[in-house]
PDB file of N, CA and C in Angstrom:
ATOM      1  N   MET A   1       9.647 -56.357  74.117  1.00  0.00           N
ATOM      2  CA  MET A   1       8.974 -55.128  73.742  1.00  0.00           C
ATOM      3  C   MET A   1       9.965 -54.260  72.956  1.00  0.00           C
ATOM      4  N   SER A   2       9.543 -53.769  71.858  1.00  0.00           N
ATOM      5  CA  SER A   2      10.404 -52.990  70.975  1.00  0.00           C
ATOM      6  C   SER A   2      10.803 -51.660  71.599  1.00  0.00           C
ATOM      7  N   LYS A   3      12.071 -51.300  71.432  1.00  0.00           N
ATOM      8  CA  LYS A   3      12.544 -50.000  71.912  1.00  0.00           C
ATOM      9  C   LYS A   3      11.859 -48.871  71.141  1.00  0.00           C
ATOM     10  N   LYS A   4      11.359 -49.182  69.951  1.00  0.00           N
ATOM     11  CA  LYS A   4      10.732 -48.169  69.113  1.00  0.00           C
ATOM     12  C   LYS A   4       9.261 -47.940  69.469  1.00  0.00           C
ATOM     13  N   ALA A   5       8.706 -48.787  70.314  1.00  0.00           N
ATOM     14  CA  ALA A   5       7.299 -48.629  70.694  1.00  0.00           C
ATOM     15  C   ALA A   5       7.126 -47.287  71.406  1.00  0.00           C
ATOM     16  N   GLY A   6       6.028 -46.614  71.111  1.00  0.00           N
ATOM     17  CA  GLY A   6       5.746 -45.342  71.757  1.00  0.00           C
ATOM     18  C   GLY A   6       5.322 -45.541  73.197  1.00  0.00           C
ATOM     19  N   PHE A   7       5.440 -44.482  73.988  1.00  0.00           N
ATOM     20  CA  PHE A   7       5.104 -44.572  75.410  1.00  0.00           C
ATOM     21  C   PHE A   7       3.660 -45.015  75.605  1.00  0.00           C
ATOM     22  N   LYS A   8       2.729 -44.425  74.850  1.00  0.00           N
ATOM     23  CA  LYS A   8       1.313 -44.787  74.996  1.00  0.00           C
ATOM     24  C   LYS A   8       1.085 -46.263  74.679  1.00  0.00           C
ATOM     25  N   GLU A   9       1.775 -46.757  73.661  1.00  0.00           N
ATOM     26  CA  GLU A   9       1.656 -48.169  73.289  1.00  0.00           C
ATOM     27  C   GLU A   9       2.169 -49.071  74.416  1.00  0.00           C
ATOM     28  N   ILE A  10       3.270 -48.680  75.024  1.00  0.00           N
ATOM     29  CA  ILE A  10       3.873 -49.470  76.102  1.00  0.00           C
ATOM     30  C   ILE A  10       2.946 -49.535  77.318  1.00  0.00           C
ATOM     31  N   ILE A  11       2.395 -48.392  77.734  1.00  0.00           N
ATOM     32  CA  ILE A  11       1.574 -48.372  78.958  1.00  0.00           C
ATOM     33  C   ILE A  11       0.159 -48.888  78.732  1.00  0.00           C
ATOM     34  N   ASN A  12      -0.213 -49.110  77.491  1.00  0.00           N
ATOM     35  CA  ASN A  12      -1.561 -49.578  77.175  1.00  0.00           C
ATOM     36  C   ASN A  12      -1.669 -51.094  77.256  1.00  0.00           C
ATOM     37  N   SER A  13      -0.845 -51.704  78.058  1.00  0.00           N
ATOM     38  CA  SER A  13      -0.782 -53.157  78.182  1.00  0.00           C
ATOM     39  C   SER A  13      -1.760 -53.670  79.243  1.00  0.00           C
ATOM     40  N   GLU A  14      -2.262 -54.876  79.017  1.00  0.00           N
ATOM     41  CA  GLU A  14      -3.094 -55.561  80.012  1.00  0.00           C
ATOM     42  C   GLU A  14      -2.241 -55.938  81.226  1.00  0.00           C
ATOM     43  N   THR A  15      -0.970 -56.234  80.967  1.00  0.00           N
ATOM     44  CA  THR A  15      -0.016 -56.549  82.032  1.00  0.00           C
ATOM     45  C   THR A  15       0.456 -55.242  82.669  1.00  0.00           C
ATOM     46  N   PRO A  16       0.515 -55.179  84.001  1.00  0.00           N
ATOM     47  CA  PRO A  16       1.028 -53.956  84.626  1.00  0.00           C
ATOM     48  C   PRO A  16       2.436 -53.616  84.123  1.00  0.00           C
ATOM     49  N   VAL A  17       2.667 -52.339  83.897  1.00  0.00           N
ATOM     50  CA  VAL A  17       3.959 -51.845  83.423  1.00  0.00           C
ATOM     51  C   VAL A  17       4.543 -50.954  84.507  1.00  0.00           C
ATOM     52  N   LEU A  18       5.657 -51.402  85.093  1.00  0.00           N
ATOM     53  CA  LEU A  18       6.342 -50.617  86.109  1.00  0.00           C
ATOM     54  C   LEU A  18       7.436 -49.818  85.416  1.00  0.00           C
ATOM     55  N   ILE A  19       7.432 -48.518  85.623  1.00  0.00           N
ATOM     56  CA  ILE A  19       8.430 -47.651  85.005  1.00  0.00           C
ATOM     57  C   ILE A  19       9.289 -47.025  86.093  1.00  0.00           C
ATOM     58  N   ASP A  20      10.591 -47.199  85.936  1.00  0.00           N
ATOM     59  CA  ASP A  20      11.572 -46.630  86.851  1.00  0.00           C
ATOM     60  C   ASP A  20      12.235 -45.450  86.147  1.00  0.00           C
ATOM     61  N   PHE A  21      11.922 -44.235  86.595  1.00  0.00           N
ATOM     62  CA  PHE A  21      12.565 -43.035  86.063  1.00  0.00           C
ATOM     63  C   PHE A  21      13.844 -42.803  86.869  1.00  0.00           C
ATOM     64  N   TYR A  22      14.975 -42.714  86.177  1.00  0.00           N
ATOM     65  CA  TYR A  22      16.268 -42.630  86.842  1.00  0.00           C
ATOM     66  C   TYR A  22      17.219 -41.734  86.052  1.00  0.00           C
ATOM     67  N   ALA A  23      18.408 -41.505  86.610  1.00  0.00           N
ATOM     68  CA  ALA A  23      19.504 -40.854  85.893  1.00  0.00           C
ATOM     69  C   ALA A  23      20.794 -41.568  86.281  1.00  0.00           C
ATOM     70  N   ASP A  24      21.742 -41.606  85.350  1.00  0.00           N
ATOM     71  CA  ASP A  24      23.012 -42.300  85.604  1.00  0.00           C
ATOM     72  C   ASP A  24      23.778 -41.699  86.786  1.00  0.00           C
ATOM     73  N   TRP A  25      23.661 -40.396  87.008  1.00  0.00           N
ATOM     74  CA  TRP A  25      24.410 -39.708  88.058  1.00  0.00           C
ATOM     75  C   TRP A  25      23.750 -39.811  89.434  1.00  0.00           C
ATOM     76  N   CYS A  26      22.571 -40.404  89.506  1.00  0.00           N
ATOM     77  CA  CYS A  26      21.788 -40.470  90.752  1.00  0.00           C
ATOM     78  C   CYS A  26      22.177 -41.705  91.577  1.00  0.00           C
ATOM     79  N   GLY A  27      22.801 -41.469  92.733  1.00  0.00           N
ATOM     80  CA  GLY A  27      23.231 -42.564  93.605  1.00  0.00           C
ATOM     81  C   GLY A  27      22.098 -43.486  94.049  1.00  0.00           C
ATOM     82  N   PRO A  28      21.015 -42.933  94.626  1.00  0.00           N
ATOM     83  CA  PRO A  28      19.892 -43.786  95.040  1.00  0.00           C
ATOM     84  C   PRO A  28      19.292 -44.580  93.874  1.00  0.00           C
ATOM     85  N   CYS A  29      19.318 -44.009  92.668  1.00  0.00           N
ATOM     86  CA  CYS A  29      18.787 -44.715  91.491  1.00  0.00           C
ATOM     87  C   CYS A  29      19.594 -45.987  91.226  1.00  0.00           C
ATOM     88  N   GLY A  30      20.911 -45.884  91.367  1.00  0.00           N
ATOM     89  CA  GLY A  30      21.778 -47.049  91.152  1.00  0.00           C
ATOM     90  C   GLY A  30      21.483 -48.151  92.157  1.00  0.00           C
ATOM     91  N   ALA A  31      21.309 -47.766  93.414  1.00  0.00           N
ATOM     92  CA  ALA A  31      20.999 -48.744  94.460  1.00  0.00           C
ATOM     93  C   ALA A  31      19.619 -49.369  94.221  1.00  0.00           C
ATOM     94  N   TYR A  32      18.671 -48.556  93.771  1.00  0.00           N
ATOM     95  CA  TYR A  32      17.294 -49.004  93.535  1.00  0.00           C
ATOM     96  C   TYR A  32      17.209 -49.980  92.363  1.00  0.00           C
ATOM     97  N   SER A  33      18.147 -49.854  91.449  1.00  0.00           N
ATOM     98  CA  SER A  33      18.162 -50.697  90.260  1.00  0.00           C
ATOM     99  C   SER A  33      18.161 -52.189  90.610  1.00  0.00           C
ATOM    100  N   SER A  34      18.899 -52.579  91.645  1.00  0.00           N
ATOM    101  CA  SER A  34      18.941 -53.999  92.024  1.00  0.00           C
ATOM    102  C   SER A  34      17.584 -54.459  92.567  1.00  0.00           C
ATOM    103  N   THR A  35      16.859 -53.583  93.250  1.00  0.00           N
ATOM    104  CA  THR A  35      15.512 -53.916  93.737  1.00  0.00           C
ATOM    105  C   THR A  35      14.576 -54.144  92.549  1.00  0.00           C
ATOM    106  N   ILE A  36      14.663 -53.271  91.543  1.00  0.00           N
ATOM    107  CA  ILE A  36      13.822 -53.389  90.353  1.00  0.00           C
ATOM    108  C   ILE A  36      14.135 -54.689  89.614  1.00  0.00           C
ATOM    109  N   GLU A  37      15.422 -55.016  89.485  1.00  0.00           N
ATOM    110  CA  GLU A  37      15.821 -56.262  88.808  1.00  0.00           C
ATOM    111  C   GLU A  37      15.307 -57.481  89.563  1.00  0.00           C
ATOM    112  N   ARG A  38      15.405 -57.446  90.891  1.00  0.00           N
ATOM    113  CA  ARG A  38      14.913 -58.562  91.711  1.00  0.00           C
ATOM    114  C   ARG A  38      13.393 -58.725  91.553  1.00  0.00           C
ATOM    115  N   LEU A  39      12.677 -57.602  91.528  1.00  0.00           N
ATOM    116  CA  LEU A  39      11.225 -57.637  91.336  1.00  0.00           C
ATOM    117  C   LEU A  39      10.882 -58.334  90.019  1.00  0.00           C
ATOM    118  N   LYS A  40      11.573 -57.954  88.950  1.00  0.00           N
ATOM    119  CA  LYS A  40      11.311 -58.546  87.635  1.00  0.00           C
ATOM    120  C   LYS A  40      11.587 -60.042  87.657  1.00  0.00           C
ATOM    121  N   LYS A  41      12.684 -60.444  88.312  1.00  0.00           N
ATOM    122  CA  LYS A  41      13.008 -61.874  88.406  1.00  0.00           C
ATOM    123  C   LYS A  41      11.925 -62.634  89.156  1.00  0.00           C
ATOM    124  N   GLU A  42      11.454 -62.054  90.255  1.00  0.00           N
ATOM    125  CA  GLU A  42      10.468 -62.738  91.098  1.00  0.00           C
ATOM    126  C   GLU A  42       9.075 -62.764  90.469  1.00  0.00           C
ATOM    127  N   LEU A  43       8.694 -61.712  89.743  1.00  0.00           N
ATOM    128  CA  LEU A  43       7.347 -61.646  89.172  1.00  0.00           C
ATOM    129  C   LEU A  43       7.282 -62.114  87.719  1.00  0.00           C
ATOM    130  N   GLY A  44       8.410 -62.152  87.035  1.00  0.00           N
ATOM    131  CA  GLY A  44       8.441 -62.654  85.654  1.00  0.00           C
ATOM    132  C   GLY A  44       7.463 -61.938  84.746  1.00  0.00           C
ATOM    133  N   ASP A  45       6.600 -62.714  84.076  1.00  0.00           N
ATOM    134  CA  ASP A  45       5.660 -62.165  83.099  1.00  0.00           C
ATOM    135  C   ASP A  45       4.473 -61.434  83.724  1.00  0.00           C
ATOM    136  N   GLU A  46       4.394 -61.409  85.056  1.00  0.00           N
ATOM    137  CA  GLU A  46       3.286 -60.716  85.716  1.00  0.00           C
ATOM    138  C   GLU A  46       3.437 -59.202  85.646  1.00  0.00           C
ATOM    139  N   VAL A  47       4.628 -58.730  85.257  1.00  0.00           N
ATOM    140  CA  VAL A  47       4.883 -57.287  85.176  1.00  0.00           C
ATOM    141  C   VAL A  47       5.905 -57.020  84.073  1.00  0.00           C
ATOM    142  N   SER A  48       5.712 -55.904  83.368  1.00  0.00           N
ATOM    143  CA  SER A  48       6.736 -55.421  82.438  1.00  0.00           C
ATOM    144  C   SER A  48       7.487 -54.328  83.166  1.00  0.00           C
ATOM    145  N   VAL A  49       8.806 -54.328  83.035  1.00  0.00           N
ATOM    146  CA  VAL A  49       9.625 -53.325  83.702  1.00  0.00           C
ATOM    147  C   VAL A  49      10.355 -52.504  82.649  1.00  0.00           C
ATOM    148  N   ILE A  50      10.196 -51.205  82.735  1.00  0.00           N
ATOM    149  CA  ILE A  50      10.831 -50.277  81.803  1.00  0.00           C
ATOM    150  C   ILE A  50      11.640 -49.278  82.625  1.00  0.00           C
ATOM    151  N   LYS A  51      12.878 -49.045  82.205  1.00  0.00           N
ATOM    152  CA  LYS A  51      13.707 -48.024  82.846  1.00  0.00           C
ATOM    153  C   LYS A  51      13.814 -46.851  81.886  1.00  0.00           C
ATOM    154  N   ILE A  52      13.518 -45.645  82.375  1.00  0.00           N
ATOM    155  CA  ILE A  52      13.582 -44.455  81.533  1.00  0.00           C
ATOM    156  C   ILE A  52      14.554 -43.454  82.145  1.00  0.00           C
ATOM    157  N   ASN A  53      15.595 -43.143  81.377  1.00  0.00           N
ATOM    158  CA  ASN A  53      16.599 -42.177  81.798  1.00  0.00           C
ATOM    159  C   ASN A  53      16.029 -40.775  81.572  1.00  0.00           C
ATOM    160  N   VAL A  54      15.858 -40.018  82.651  1.00  0.00           N
ATOM    161  CA  VAL A  54      15.233 -38.689  82.542  1.00  0.00           C
ATOM    162  C   VAL A  54      16.089 -37.709  81.744  1.00  0.00           C
ATOM    163  N   ASP A  55      17.404 -37.910  81.742  1.00  0.00           N
ATOM    164  CA  ASP A  55      18.282 -37.018  80.975  1.00  0.00           C
ATOM    165  C   ASP A  55      18.113 -37.226  79.471  1.00  0.00           C
ATOM    166  N   LYS A  56      17.789 -38.448  79.070  1.00  0.00           N
ATOM    167  CA  LYS A  56      17.618 -38.755  77.645  1.00  0.00           C
ATOM    168  C   LYS A  56      16.166 -38.637  77.197  1.00  0.00           C
ATOM    169  N   ASN A  57      15.257 -38.501  78.145  1.00  0.00           N
ATOM    170  CA  ASN A  57      13.818 -38.419  77.847  1.00  0.00           C
ATOM    171  C   ASN A  57      13.195 -37.263  78.620  1.00  0.00           C
ATOM    172  N   GLN A  58      13.786 -36.086  78.466  1.00  0.00           N
ATOM    173  CA  GLN A  58      13.358 -34.925  79.254  1.00  0.00           C
ATOM    174  C   GLN A  58      11.906 -34.527  78.980  1.00  0.00           C
ATOM    175  N   ALA A  59      11.475 -34.605  77.733  1.00  0.00           N
ATOM    176  CA  ALA A  59      10.102 -34.194  77.393  1.00  0.00           C
ATOM    177  C   ALA A  59       9.086 -35.096  78.093  1.00  0.00           C
ATOM    178  N   LEU A  60       9.335 -36.400  78.086  1.00  0.00           N
ATOM    179  CA  LEU A  60       8.425 -37.340  78.744  1.00  0.00           C
ATOM    180  C   LEU A  60       8.431 -37.121  80.256  1.00  0.00           C
ATOM    181  N   ALA A  61       9.614 -36.964  80.834  1.00  0.00           N
ATOM    182  CA  ALA A  61       9.715 -36.735  82.284  1.00  0.00           C
ATOM    183  C   ALA A  61       8.970 -35.455  82.667  1.00  0.00           C
ATOM    184  N   GLU A  62       9.092 -34.447  81.833  1.00  0.00           N
ATOM    185  CA  GLU A  62       8.397 -33.180  82.093  1.00  0.00           C
ATOM    186  C   GLU A  62       6.885 -33.356  81.977  1.00  0.00           C
ATOM    187  N   LYS A  63       6.462 -34.050  80.935  1.00  0.00           N
ATOM    188  CA  LYS A  63       5.029 -34.276  80.719  1.00  0.00           C
ATOM    189  C   LYS A  63       4.391 -35.025  81.901  1.00  0.00           C
ATOM    190  N   LEU A  64       5.145 -35.989  82.463  1.00  0.00           N
ATOM    191  CA  LEU A  64       4.638 -36.777  83.592  1.00  0.00           C
ATOM    192  C   LEU A  64       4.979 -36.147  84.939  1.00  0.00           C
ATOM    193  N   GLN A  65       5.553 -34.961  84.893  1.00  0.00           N
ATOM    194  CA  GLN A  65       5.880 -34.203  86.099  1.00  0.00           C
ATOM    195  C   GLN A  65       6.784 -34.971  87.062  1.00  0.00           C
ATOM    196  N   VAL A  66       7.802 -35.610  86.502  1.00  0.00           N
ATOM    197  CA  VAL A  66       8.800 -36.290  87.329  1.00  0.00           C
ATOM    198  C   VAL A  66       9.725 -35.203  87.875  1.00  0.00           C
ATOM    199  N   ARG A  67       9.613 -34.937  89.166  1.00  0.00           N
ATOM    200  CA  ARG A  67      10.362 -33.845  89.800  1.00  0.00           C
ATOM    201  C   ARG A  67      11.563 -34.341  90.595  1.00  0.00           C
ATOM    202  N   SER A  68      11.535 -35.593  91.006  1.00  0.00           N
ATOM    203  CA  SER A  68      12.672 -36.168  91.723  1.00  0.00           C
ATOM    204  C   SER A  68      12.850 -37.604  91.271  1.00  0.00           C
ATOM    205  N   ILE A  69      14.058 -38.084  91.424  1.00  0.00           N
ATOM    206  CA  ILE A  69      14.345 -39.451  91.003  1.00  0.00           C
ATOM    207  C   ILE A  69      15.040 -40.196  92.139  1.00  0.00           C
ATOM    208  N   PRO A  70      14.867 -41.499  92.219  1.00  0.00           N
ATOM    209  CA  PRO A  70      14.014 -42.279  91.319  1.00  0.00           C
ATOM    210  C   PRO A  70      12.528 -42.002  91.561  1.00  0.00           C
ATOM    211  N   THR A  71      11.760 -42.100  90.503  1.00  0.00           N
ATOM    212  CA  THR A  71      10.301 -42.088  90.585  1.00  0.00           C
ATOM    213  C   THR A  71       9.813 -43.358  89.922  1.00  0.00           C
ATOM    214  N   THR A  72       8.907 -44.044  90.596  1.00  0.00           N
ATOM    215  CA  THR A  72       8.344 -45.289  90.080  1.00  0.00           C
ATOM    216  C   THR A  72       6.877 -45.067  89.760  1.00  0.00           C
ATOM    217  N   MET A  73       6.456 -45.549  88.595  1.00  0.00           N
ATOM    218  CA  MET A  73       5.045 -45.486  88.213  1.00  0.00           C
ATOM    219  C   MET A  73       4.613 -46.869  87.745  1.00  0.00           C
ATOM    220  N   ILE A  74       3.357 -47.179  87.982  1.00  0.00           N
ATOM    221  CA  ILE A  74       2.777 -48.417  87.458  1.00  0.00           C
ATOM    222  C   ILE A  74       1.555 -48.035  86.632  1.00  0.00           C
ATOM    223  N   PHE A  75       1.551 -48.492  85.386  1.00  0.00           N
ATOM    224  CA  PHE A  75       0.432 -48.272  84.470  1.00  0.00           C
ATOM    225  C   PHE A  75      -0.182 -49.615  84.112  1.00  0.00           C
ATOM    226  N   ARG A  76      -1.454 -49.593  83.792  1.00  0.00           N
ATOM    227  CA  ARG A  76      -2.130 -50.767  83.232  1.00  0.00           C
ATOM    228  C   ARG A  76      -3.271 -50.252  82.369  1.00  0.00           C
ATOM    229  N   ASN A  77      -3.394 -50.802  81.178  1.00  0.00           N
ATOM    230  CA  ASN A  77      -4.424 -50.376  80.225  1.00  0.00           C
ATOM    231  C   ASN A  77      -4.409 -48.857  80.011  1.00  0.00           C
ATOM    232  N   GLY A  78      -3.202 -48.295  79.970  1.00  0.00           N
ATOM    233  CA  GLY A  78      -3.059 -46.876  79.685  1.00  0.00           C
ATOM    234  C   GLY A  78      -3.327 -45.951  80.862  1.00  0.00           C
ATOM    235  N   GLN A  79      -3.651 -46.505  82.009  1.00  0.00           N
ATOM    236  CA  GLN A  79      -3.993 -45.685  83.175  1.00  0.00           C
ATOM    237  C   GLN A  79      -2.919 -45.779  84.248  1.00  0.00           C
ATOM    238  N   LEU A  80      -2.597 -44.636  84.838  1.00  0.00           N
ATOM    239  CA  LEU A  80      -1.657 -44.612  85.952  1.00  0.00           C
ATOM    240  C   LEU A  80      -2.342 -45.207  87.174  1.00  0.00           C
ATOM    241  N   LYS A  81      -1.773 -46.275  87.709  1.00  0.00           N
ATOM    242  CA  LYS A  81      -2.357 -46.954  88.866  1.00  0.00           C
ATOM    243  C   LYS A  81      -1.664 -46.578  90.170  1.00  0.00           C
ATOM    244  N   TRP A  82      -0.381 -46.197  90.059  1.00  0.00           N
ATOM    245  CA  TRP A  82       0.378 -45.867  91.270  1.00  0.00           C
ATOM    246  C   TRP A  82       1.621 -45.102  90.875  1.00  0.00           C
ATOM    247  N   ARG A  83       2.042 -44.195  91.750  1.00  0.00           N
ATOM    248  CA  ARG A  83       3.274 -43.433  91.499  1.00  0.00           C
ATOM    249  C   ARG A  83       3.847 -43.006  92.832  1.00  0.00           C
ATOM    250  N   GLU A  84       5.164 -43.055  92.927  1.00  0.00           N
ATOM    251  CA  GLU A  84       5.828 -42.644  94.163  1.00  0.00           C
ATOM    252  C   GLU A  84       7.274 -42.257  93.844  1.00  0.00           C
ATOM    253  N   ALA A  85       7.740 -41.184  94.476  1.00  0.00           N
ATOM    254  CA  ALA A  85       9.135 -40.781  94.333  1.00  0.00           C
ATOM    255  C   ALA A  85       9.952 -41.413  95.450  1.00  0.00           C
ATOM    256  N   GLY A  86      11.225 -41.655  95.178  1.00  0.00           N
ATOM    257  CA  GLY A  86      12.122 -42.228  96.175  1.00  0.00           C
ATOM    258  C   GLY A  86      12.259 -43.732  96.010  1.00  0.00           C
ATOM    259  N   VAL A  87      13.182 -44.290  96.763  1.00  0.00           N
ATOM    260  CA  VAL A  87      13.438 -45.728  96.727  1.00  0.00           C
ATOM    261  C   VAL A  87      12.316 -46.446  97.479  1.00  0.00           C
ATOM    262  N   GLN A  88      11.763 -47.486  96.849  1.00  0.00           N
ATOM    263  CA  GLN A  88      10.645 -48.246  97.432  1.00  0.00           C
ATOM    264  C   GLN A  88      11.110 -49.662  97.782  1.00  0.00           C
ATOM    265  N   SER A  89      10.457 -50.269  98.749  1.00  0.00           N
ATOM    266  CA  SER A  89      10.800 -51.645  99.129  1.00  0.00           C
ATOM    267  C   SER A  89      10.207 -52.619  98.114  1.00  0.00           C
ATOM    268  N   ILE A  90      10.828 -53.778  97.992  1.00  0.00           N
ATOM    269  CA  ILE A  90      10.317 -54.780  97.054  1.00  0.00           C
ATOM    270  C   ILE A  90       8.929 -55.251  97.480  1.00  0.00           C
ATOM    271  N   SER A  91       8.672 -55.321  98.778  1.00  0.00           N
ATOM    272  CA  SER A  91       7.349 -55.772  99.232  1.00  0.00           C
ATOM    273  C   SER A  91       6.263 -54.768  98.823  1.00  0.00           C
ATOM    274  N   LEU A  92       6.556 -53.478  98.921  1.00  0.00           N
ATOM    275  CA  LEU A  92       5.581 -52.472  98.497  1.00  0.00           C
ATOM    276  C   LEU A  92       5.376 -52.543  96.982  1.00  0.00           C
ATOM    277  N   LEU A  93       6.454 -52.694  96.238  1.00  0.00           N
ATOM    278  CA  LEU A  93       6.333 -52.778  94.776  1.00  0.00           C
ATOM    279  C   LEU A  93       5.462 -53.964  94.363  1.00  0.00           C
ATOM    280  N   LYS A  94       5.685 -55.118  94.996  1.00  0.00           N
ATOM    281  CA  LYS A  94       4.868 -56.307  94.691  1.00  0.00           C
ATOM    282  C   LYS A  94       3.398 -56.039  95.009  1.00  0.00           C
ATOM    283  N   LYS A  95       3.150 -55.414  96.144  1.00  0.00           N
ATOM    284  CA  LYS A  95       1.781 -55.100  96.563  1.00  0.00           C
ATOM    285  C   LYS A  95       1.112 -54.179  95.535  1.00  0.00           C
ATOM    286  N   MET A  96       1.835 -53.182  95.047  1.00  0.00           N
ATOM    287  CA  MET A  96       1.275 -52.228  94.091  1.00  0.00           C
ATOM    288  C   MET A  96       1.061 -52.879  92.718  1.00  0.00           C
ATOM    289  N   VAL A  97       1.949 -53.771  92.307  1.00  0.00           N
ATOM    290  CA  VAL A  97       1.743 -54.503  91.039  1.00  0.00           C
ATOM    291  C   VAL A  97       0.498 -55.386  91.158  1.00  0.00           C
ATOM    292  N   ASP A  98       0.361 -56.075  92.292  1.00  0.00           N
ATOM    293  CA  ASP A  98      -0.824 -56.914  92.526  1.00  0.00           C
ATOM    294  C   ASP A  98      -2.098 -56.075  92.466  1.00  0.00           C
ATOM    295  N   ALA A  99      -2.075 -54.907  93.120  1.00  0.00           N
ATOM    296  CA  ALA A  99      -3.244 -54.032  93.145  1.00  0.00           C
ATOM    297  C   ALA A  99      -3.579 -53.558  91.733  1.00  0.00           C
ATOM    298  N   ALA A 100      -2.582 -53.255  90.937  1.00  0.00           N
ATOM    299  CA  ALA A 100      -2.806 -52.815  89.546  1.00  0.00           C
ATOM    300  C   ALA A 100      -3.418 -53.935  88.719  1.00  0.00           C
ATOM    301  N   ARG A 101      -3.019 -55.176  88.987  1.00  0.00           N
ATOM    302  CA  ARG A 101      -3.556 -56.325  88.238  1.00  0.00           C
ATOM    303  C   ARG A 101      -5.016 -56.567  88.565  1.00  0.00           C
ATOM    304  N   GLU A 102      -5.414 -56.247  89.782  1.00  0.00           N
ATOM    305  CA  GLU A 102      -6.791 -56.520  90.229  1.00  0.00           C
ATOM    306  C   GLU A 102      -7.797 -55.487  89.763  1.00  0.00           C
ATOM    307  N   ASP A 103      -7.324 -54.320  89.374  1.00  0.00           N
ATOM    308  CA  ASP A 103      -8.244 -53.249  88.934  1.00  0.00           C
ATOM    309  C   ASP A 103      -9.016 -53.648  87.696  1.00  0.00           C
TER     310      ASP A 103
END
């Protein structure tokens, strides 16, 4: 997926798109990163994973009302299917990706 693709274009995918909003200075975000990487390895093409640095994308984070990090969102066909702040378990993430695929 092109880095130049717009946010709307990215989330308008038939494949669920998991977005991890993070910051480099955030300790829990760093720990959560390995969970996100493991999820991508285990699910492969069943999910697209995008990491968005809130410090470099402040307007988008503000528009989506990201108030704490990490915040995870799952979109499919341009619609927000799930969102949660804080570190999530891999089992919950898999369950939410599956639920987004079934909608």
